[in-house]
C-alpha atoms as a PDB file:
ATOM      1  CA  UNK A   1       0.000   0.000   0.000  1.00  0.00           C
ATOM      2  CA  UNK A   2       1.265   3.464  -0.947  1.00  0.00           C
ATOM      3  CA  UNK A   3       0.411   6.543   1.064  1.00  0.00           C
ATOM      4  CA  UNK A   4      -1.973   8.748  -0.881  1.00  0.00           C
ATOM      5  CA  UNK A   5      -3.105  12.308  -0.438  1.00  0.00           C
ATOM      6  CA  UNK A   6      -6.468  12.930   1.250  1.00  0.00           C
ATOM      7  CA  UNK A   7      -7.383   9.281   1.881  1.00  0.00           C
ATOM      8  CA  UNK A   8     -10.862   9.983   3.267  1.00  0.00           C
ATOM      9  CA  UNK A   9     -11.766  12.296   0.385  1.00  0.00           C
ATOM     10  CA  UNK A  10     -10.524   9.631  -2.025  1.00  0.00           C
ATOM     11  CA  UNK A  11     -12.572   6.980  -0.225  1.00  0.00           C
ATOM     12  CA  UNK A  12     -15.671   9.191  -0.518  1.00  0.00           C
ATOM     13  CA  UNK A  13     -15.214   9.413  -4.291  1.00  0.00           C
ATOM     14  CA  UNK A  14     -14.607   5.680  -4.681  1.00  0.00           C
ATOM     15  CA  UNK A  15     -17.692   4.850  -2.629  1.00  0.00           C
ATOM     16  CA  UNK A  16     -19.844   7.199  -4.710  1.00  0.00           C
ATOM     17  CA  UNK A  17     -18.447   6.454  -8.164  1.00  0.00           C
ATOM     18  CA  UNK A  18     -17.290   2.811  -8.244  1.00  0.00           C
ATOM     19  CA  UNK A  19     -18.465  -0.683  -7.434  1.00  0.00           C
ATOM     20  CA  UNK A  20     -15.405  -1.518  -5.346  1.00  0.00           C
ATOM     21  CA  UNK A  21     -15.851  -3.408  -2.098  1.00  0.00           C
ATOM     22  CA  UNK A  22     -15.251  -1.756   1.244  1.00  0.00           C
ATOM     23  CA  UNK A  23     -12.148  -3.890   1.672  1.00  0.00           C
ATOM     24  CA  UNK A  24     -10.703  -2.772  -1.664  1.00  0.00           C
ATOM     25  CA  UNK A  25     -11.307   0.887  -0.886  1.00  0.00           C
ATOM     26  CA  UNK A  26      -9.953   0.503   2.632  1.00  0.00           C
ATOM     27  CA  UNK A  27      -6.784  -1.169   1.356  1.00  0.00           C
ATOM     28  CA  UNK A  28      -6.178   1.504  -1.256  1.00  0.00           C
ATOM     29  CA  UNK A  29      -6.859   4.441   1.066  1.00  0.00           C
ATOM     30  CA  UNK A  30      -5.219   3.030   4.162  1.00  0.00           C
ATOM     31  CA  UNK A  31      -8.453   3.016   6.151  1.00  0.00           C
ATOM     32  CA  UNK A  32     -10.349   0.403   8.146  1.00  0.00           C
ATOM     33  CA  UNK A  33     -13.168  -1.357   6.279  1.00  0.00           C
ATOM     34  CA  UNK A  34     -15.630  -0.298   8.996  1.00  0.00           C
ATOM     35  CA  UNK A  35     -14.587   3.321   8.418  1.00  0.00           C
ATOM     36  CA  UNK A  36     -15.322   2.933   4.722  1.00  0.00           C
ATOM     37  CA  UNK A  37     -18.692   1.392   5.612  1.00  0.00           C
ATOM     38  CA  UNK A  38     -19.355   4.429   7.784  1.00  0.00           C
ATOM     39  CA  UNK A  39     -18.618   6.675   4.794  1.00  0.00           C
ATOM     40  CA  UNK A  40     -21.072   4.704   2.697  1.00  0.00           C
ATOM     41  CA  UNK A  41     -23.728   4.921   5.436  1.00  0.00           C
ATOM     42  CA  UNK A  42     -23.186   8.669   5.806  1.00  0.00           C
ATOM     43  CA  UNK A  43     -21.951   8.395   9.383  1.00  0.00           C
ATOM     44  CA  UNK A  44     -18.330   9.296   8.546  1.00  0.00           C
ATOM     45  CA  UNK A  45     -16.891  12.140   6.478  1.00  0.00           C
ATOM     46  CA  UNK A  46     -20.253  13.784   5.877  1.00  0.00           C
ATOM     47  CA  UNK A  47     -18.765  17.169   5.043  1.00  0.00           C
ATOM     48  CA  UNK A  48     -15.821  15.855   3.024  1.00  0.00           C
ATOM     49  CA  UNK A  49     -15.964  16.356  -0.719  1.00  0.00           C
ATOM     50  CA  UNK A  50     -14.798  13.414  -2.795  1.00  0.00           C
ATOM     51  CA  UNK A  51     -11.528  13.617  -4.708  1.00  0.00           C
ATOM     52  CA  UNK A  52     -10.992  11.665  -7.928  1.00  0.00           C
ATOM     53  CA  UNK A  53      -7.699   9.705  -7.586  1.00  0.00           C
ATOM     54  CA  UNK A  54      -7.510   9.226 -11.358  1.00  0.00           C
ATOM     55  CA  UNK A  55      -7.505  12.901 -12.265  1.00  0.00           C
ATOM     56  CA  UNK A  56      -5.288  13.473  -9.230  1.00  0.00           C
ATOM     57  CA  UNK A  57      -2.652  11.170 -10.719  1.00  0.00           C
ATOM     58  CA  UNK A  58      -2.778   8.582  -7.953  1.00  0.00           C
ATOM     59  CA  UNK A  59      -4.640   5.811  -9.767  1.00  0.00           C
ATOM     60  CA  UNK A  60      -4.927   4.631 -13.367  1.00  0.00           C
ATOM     61  CA  UNK A  61      -8.157   3.733 -15.087  1.00  0.00           C
ATOM     62  CA  UNK A  62      -6.745   0.283 -15.858  1.00  0.00           C
ATOM     63  CA  UNK A  63      -6.165  -0.417 -12.151  1.00  0.00           C
ATOM     64  CA  UNK A  64      -9.672   0.684 -11.285  1.00  0.00           C
ATOM     65  CA  UNK A  65     -11.201  -1.510 -13.990  1.00  0.00           C
ATOM     66  CA  UNK A  66      -9.217  -4.541 -12.814  1.00  0.00           C
ATOM     67  CA  UNK A  67     -10.400  -4.021  -9.255  1.00  0.00           C
ATOM     68  CA  UNK A  68     -14.041  -3.612 -10.270  1.00  0.00           C
ATOM     69  CA  UNK A  69     -13.880  -6.815 -12.289  1.00  0.00           C
ATOM     70  CA  UNK A  70     -12.231  -8.801  -9.474  1.00  0.00           C
ATOM     71  CA  UNK A  71     -13.222  -8.249  -5.846  1.00  0.00           C
ATOM     72  CA  UNK A  72     -10.037  -9.953  -4.665  1.00  0.00           C
ATOM     73  CA  UNK A  73      -7.781  -7.594  -6.615  1.00  0.00           C
ATOM     74  CA  UNK A  74      -6.019  -4.857  -4.659  1.00  0.00           C
ATOM     75  CA  UNK A  75      -5.265  -1.656  -6.530  1.00  0.00           C
ATOM     76  CA  UNK A  76      -1.758  -0.265  -6.672  1.00  0.00           C
ATOM     77  CA  UNK A  77      -1.469   3.481  -6.315  1.00  0.00           C
ATOM     78  CA  UNK A  78       0.822   5.647  -8.409  1.00  0.00           C
ATOM     79  CA  UNK A  79       3.544   7.245  -6.329  1.00  0.00           C
ATOM     80  CA  UNK A  80       2.558  10.879  -6.120  1.00  0.00           C
ATOM     81  CA  UNK A  81       5.289  13.443  -6.657  1.00  0.00           C
ATOM     82  CA  UNK A  82       3.433  15.797  -4.322  1.00  0.00           C
ATOM     83  CA  UNK A  83       3.213  13.149  -1.628  1.00  0.00           C
ATOM     84  CA  UNK A  84       6.967  12.617  -1.851  1.00  0.00           C
ATOM     85  CA  UNK A  85       7.583  16.343  -1.497  1.00  0.00           C
ATOM     86  CA  UNK A  86       5.409  16.487   1.593  1.00  0.00           C
ATOM     87  CA  UNK A  87       7.424  13.811   3.343  1.00  0.00           C
ATOM     88  CA  UNK A  88       9.853  15.170   5.864  1.00  0.00           C
ATOM     89  CA  UNK A  89      13.490  14.691   4.894  1.00  0.00           C
ATOM     90  CA  UNK A  90      14.640  15.099   8.476  1.00  0.00           C
ATOM     91  CA  UNK A  91      14.727  11.954  10.615  1.00  0.00           C
ATOM     92  CA  UNK A  92      12.357  11.766  13.522  1.00  0.00           C
ATOM     93  CA  UNK A  93      13.841  13.181  16.736  1.00  0.00           C
ATOM     94  CA  UNK A  94      15.405  10.614  18.974  1.00  0.00           C
ATOM     95  CA  UNK A  95      13.041   9.617  21.757  1.00  0.00           C
ATOM     96  CA  UNK A  96      14.443   9.183  25.212  1.00  0.00           C
ATOM     97  CA  UNK A  97      12.236   7.617  27.915  1.00  0.00           C
ATOM     98  CA  UNK A  98      11.187  10.015  30.646  1.00  0.00           C
ATOM     99  CA  UNK A  99      12.912   7.830  33.230  1.00  0.00           C
ATOM    100  CA  UNK A 100      16.240   8.421  31.500  1.00  0.00           C
ATOM    101  CA  UNK A 101      15.933  12.107  30.603  1.00  0.00           C
ATOM    102  CA  UNK A 102      17.135  13.086  34.052  1.00  0.00           C
ATOM    103  CA  UNK A 103      20.380  11.214  33.282  1.00  0.00           C
ATOM    104  CA  UNK A 104      21.290  13.481  30.368  1.00  0.00           C
ATOM    105  CA  UNK A 105      23.033  16.118  32.523  1.00  0.00           C
ATOM    106  CA  UNK A 106      25.232  13.366  34.004  1.00  0.00           C
ATOM    107  CA  UNK A 107      26.194  12.222  30.515  1.00  0.00           C
ATOM    108  CA  UNK A 108      26.857  15.819  29.455  1.00  0.00           C
ATOM    109  CA  UNK A 109      29.122  16.319  32.471  1.00  0.00           C
ATOM    110  CA  UNK A 110      31.009  13.160  31.481  1.00  0.00           C
ATOM    111  CA  UNK A 111      31.668  14.543  28.013  1.00  0.00           C
ATOM    112  CA  UNK A 112      32.717  17.935  29.383  1.00  0.00           C
ATOM    113  CA  UNK A 113      35.207  16.365  31.783  1.00  0.00           C
ATOM    114  CA  UNK A 114      36.586  13.491  29.686  1.00  0.00           C
ATOM    115  CA  UNK A 115      36.211  14.569  26.057  1.00  0.00           C
ATOM    116  CA  UNK A 116      36.397  18.356  25.629  1.00  0.00           C
ATOM    117  CA  UNK A 117      37.236  17.784  21.960  1.00  0.00           C
ATOM    118  CA  UNK A 118      33.635  16.711  21.323  1.00  0.00           C
ATOM    119  CA  UNK A 119      31.622  19.757  20.245  1.00  0.00           C
ATOM    120  CA  UNK A 120      28.342  20.841  21.800  1.00  0.00           C
ATOM    121  CA  UNK A 121      26.572  20.133  18.515  1.00  0.00           C
ATOM    122  CA  UNK A 122      27.833  16.534  18.520  1.00  0.00           C
ATOM    123  CA  UNK A 123      26.794  16.023  22.150  1.00  0.00           C
ATOM    124  CA  UNK A 124      23.355  17.510  21.491  1.00  0.00           C
ATOM    125  CA  UNK A 125      22.781  15.224  18.501  1.00  0.00           C
ATOM    126  CA  UNK A 126      23.994  12.092  20.291  1.00  0.00           C
ATOM    127  CA  UNK A 127      22.064  12.623  23.529  1.00  0.00           C
ATOM    128  CA  UNK A 128      19.031  14.378  22.072  1.00  0.00           C
ATOM    129  CA  UNK A 129      19.541  17.477  24.186  1.00  0.00           C
ATOM    130  CA  UNK A 130      20.071  21.197  23.555  1.00  0.00           C
ATOM    131  CA  UNK A 131      23.143  23.417  23.457  1.00  0.00           C
ATOM    132  CA  UNK A 132      21.722  25.599  26.216  1.00  0.00           C
ATOM    133  CA  UNK A 133      21.471  22.577  28.518  1.00  0.00           C
ATOM    134  CA  UNK A 134      25.060  21.628  27.738  1.00  0.00           C
ATOM    135  CA  UNK A 135      26.209  25.167  28.450  1.00  0.00           C
ATOM    136  CA  UNK A 136      24.360  25.253  31.772  1.00  0.00           C
ATOM    137  CA  UNK A 137      25.995  21.973  32.832  1.00  0.00           C
ATOM    138  CA  UNK A 138      29.436  23.249  31.806  1.00  0.00           C
ATOM    139  CA  UNK A 139      28.980  26.550  33.665  1.00  0.00           C
ATOM    140  CA  UNK A 140      27.286  24.860  36.625  1.00  0.00           C
ATOM    141  CA  UNK A 141      24.206  27.027  36.210  1.00  0.00           C
ATOM    142  CA  UNK A 142      21.932  24.018  35.711  1.00  0.00           C
ATOM    143  CA  UNK A 143      19.054  23.903  38.179  1.00  0.00           C
ATOM    144  CA  UNK A 144      20.261  20.508  39.435  1.00  0.00           C
ATOM    145  CA  UNK A 145      24.006  21.195  39.382  1.00  0.00           C
ATOM    146  CA  UNK A 146      24.468  20.041  42.976  1.00  0.00           C
ATOM    147  CA  UNK A 147      23.387  16.512  42.051  1.00  0.00           C
ATOM    148  CA  UNK A 148      25.023  16.183  38.622  1.00  0.00           C
ATOM    149  CA  UNK A 149      27.813  13.608  38.459  1.00  0.00           C
ATOM    150  CA  UNK A 150      29.786  12.626  35.346  1.00  0.00           C
ATOM    151  CA  UNK A 151      28.577   9.204  34.198  1.00  0.00           C
ATOM    152  CA  UNK A 152      29.358   7.336  30.976  1.00  0.00           C
ATOM    153  CA  UNK A 153      26.325   7.663  28.640  1.00  0.00           C
ATOM    154  CA  UNK A 154      26.688   3.982  27.727  1.00  0.00           C
ATOM    155  CA  UNK A 155      26.317   3.027  31.382  1.00  0.00           C
ATOM    156  CA  UNK A 156      23.242   5.238  31.576  1.00  0.00           C
ATOM    157  CA  UNK A 157      21.751   3.452  28.578  1.00  0.00           C
ATOM    158  CA  UNK A 158      21.458   6.616  26.507  1.00  0.00           C
ATOM    159  CA  UNK A 159      23.701   5.472  23.628  1.00  0.00           C
ATOM    160  CA  UNK A 160      25.485   2.371  22.411  1.00  0.00           C
ATOM    161  CA  UNK A 161      29.203   1.771  22.816  1.00  0.00           C
ATOM    162  CA  UNK A 162      29.846   1.701  19.060  1.00  0.00           C
ATOM    163  CA  UNK A 163      28.117   5.044  18.539  1.00  0.00           C
ATOM    164  CA  UNK A 164      30.086   6.594  21.401  1.00  0.00           C
ATOM    165  CA  UNK A 165      33.423   5.256  20.151  1.00  0.00           C
ATOM    166  CA  UNK A 166      32.738   6.502  16.640  1.00  0.00           C
ATOM    167  CA  UNK A 167      31.848   9.988  17.894  1.00  0.00           C
ATOM    168  CA  UNK A 168      34.913  10.278  20.125  1.00  0.00           C
ATOM    169  CA  UNK A 169      37.213   9.078  17.313  1.00  0.00           C
ATOM    170  CA  UNK A 170      35.707  11.515  14.841  1.00  0.00           C
ATOM    171  CA  UNK A 171      36.096  14.417  17.272  1.00  0.00           C
ATOM    172  CA  UNK A 172      39.695  13.450  18.088  1.00  0.00           C
ATOM    173  CA  UNK A 173      40.632  13.235  14.402  1.00  0.00           C
ATOM    174  CA  UNK A 174      39.119  16.643  13.709  1.00  0.00           C
ATOM    175  CA  UNK A 175      40.953  18.193  16.654  1.00  0.00           C
ATOM    176  CA  UNK A 176      44.258  16.718  15.490  1.00  0.00           C
ATOM    177  CA  UNK A 177      43.753  18.166  12.014  1.00  0.00           C
ATOM    178  CA  UNK A 178      42.827  21.574  13.412  1.00  0.00           C
ATOM    179  CA  UNK A 179      45.867  21.588  15.696  1.00  0.00           C
ATOM    180  CA  UNK A 180      48.143  20.647  12.815  1.00  0.00           C
ATOM    181  CA  UNK A 181      46.641  23.383  10.664  1.00  0.00           C
ATOM    182  CA  UNK A 182      47.074  26.012  13.365  1.00  0.00           C
ATOM    183  CA  UNK A 183      50.638  24.869  14.011  1.00  0.00           C
ATOM    184  CA  UNK A 184      51.495  25.216  10.345  1.00  0.00           C
ATOM    185  CA  UNK A 185      50.187  28.768  10.313  1.00  0.00           C
ATOM    186  CA  UNK A 186      52.144  29.963  13.331  1.00  0.00           C
ATOM    187  CA  UNK A 187      55.576  28.479  12.648  1.00  0.00           C
ATOM    188  CA  UNK A 188      57.556  30.617  10.282  1.00  0.00           C
ATOM    189  CA  UNK A 189      60.629  29.380   8.403  1.00  0.00           C
ATOM    190  CA  UNK A 190      63.969  30.619   9.638  1.00  0.00           C
ATOM    191  CA  UNK A 191      65.129  33.416   7.431  1.00  0.00           C
ATOM    192  CA  UNK A 192      68.745  33.534   6.372  1.00  0.00           C
ATOM    193  CA  UNK A 193      70.458  36.640   7.569  1.00  0.00           C
ATOM    194  CA  UNK A 194      73.049  37.930   5.220  1.00  0.00           C
ATOM    195  CA  UNK A 195      76.215  38.803   7.049  1.00  0.00           C
ATOM    196  CA  UNK A 196      77.999  41.743   5.499  1.00  0.00           C
ATOM    197  CA  UNK A 197      81.687  41.749   6.255  1.00  0.00           C
ATOM    198  CA  UNK A 198      83.144  45.143   6.851  1.00  0.00           C
ATOM    199  CA  UNK A 199      85.913  46.076   4.452  1.00  0.00           C
ATOM    200  CA  UNK A 200      89.236  46.140   6.233  1.00  0.00           C
ATOM    201  CA  UNK A 201      90.939  49.478   5.878  1.00  0.00           C
ATOM    202  CA  UNK A 202      94.550  49.479   7.085  1.00  0.00           C
ATOM    203  CA  UNK A 203      95.223  52.098   9.681  1.00  0.00           C
ATOM    204  CA  UNK A 204      97.138  55.020   8.330  1.00  0.00           C
ATOM    205  CA  UNK A 205     100.432  55.808   9.968  1.00  0.00           C
ATOM    206  CA  UNK A 206     100.522  58.913  11.991  1.00  0.00           C
ATOM    207  CA  UNK A 207     102.432  61.619  10.231  1.00  0.00           C
ATOM    208  CA  UNK A 208     104.452  64.232  12.105  1.00  0.00           C
ATOM    209  CA  UNK A 209     102.840  67.539  12.127  1.00  0.00           C
ATOM    210  CA  UNK A 210     106.111  69.571  12.078  1.00  0.00           C
ATOM    211  CA  UNK A 211     108.320  69.982   9.032  1.00  0.00           C
ATOM    212  CA  UNK A 212     111.772  68.309   9.337  1.00  0.00           C
ATOM    213  CA  UNK A 213     114.778  70.591   9.987  1.00  0.00           C
ATOM    214  CA  UNK A 214     118.458  70.223   9.166  1.00  0.00           C
ATOM    215  CA  UNK A 215     119.273  69.759  12.831  1.00  0.00           C
ATOM    216  CA  UNK A 216     116.738  67.028  13.197  1.00  0.00           C
ATOM    217  CA  UNK A 217     118.137  65.279  10.156  1.00  0.00           C
ATOM    218  CA  UNK A 218     121.943  65.756  10.476  1.00  0.00           C
ATOM    219  CA  UNK A 219     122.237  66.336  14.185  1.00  0.00           C
ATOM    220  CA  UNK A 220     123.587  69.381  16.010  1.00  0.00           C
ATOM    221  CA  UNK A 221     126.581  71.134  14.549  1.00  0.00           C
ATOM    222  CA  UNK A 222     129.801  70.631  16.328  1.00  0.00           C
END
């Protein structure tokens, strides 16, 4: 059976315009046969206007004819493009029993203390909690901070061991890559310093300031 749009309105049209059995209509529309009988008796869906599934692109005339000729035949609906678009692409939120919801803060505290590399977004997704709750546990502003104790989420039954190991490994790998990237940005290569040798200039001899005299050259006269 394929989900169809407006099943009750479709059932109303089939009851009014075909010779199908209640079981055939119920199977096609996803209803209970007694509900279809109630539509036929006027007790159910009184104010609902019938919708033709053929013109709506959810059923072919050939399928309808086969079903009217054979009461045991079950019609196959055409997959509606509109029905596919209406389906939510997001997975259903993870349900945590009420008895275990009070254990979430303990699991959050365990992550904060033992695995700071795991981001708040990853913790929130794994435990089905919110970033504000994580922040309140980290800052000890949670209303029940006095009673919160770090406990392994696997022990609490909130997640499986494989899921926890995978998350921790993924967070550790990301942190290692980030650290390596930051280290590469901060370390600068050693620059070669050109040493310029000073040109050696021989020291000039000191010259006498006075002009030489005959006495200084030949000695005193005798």
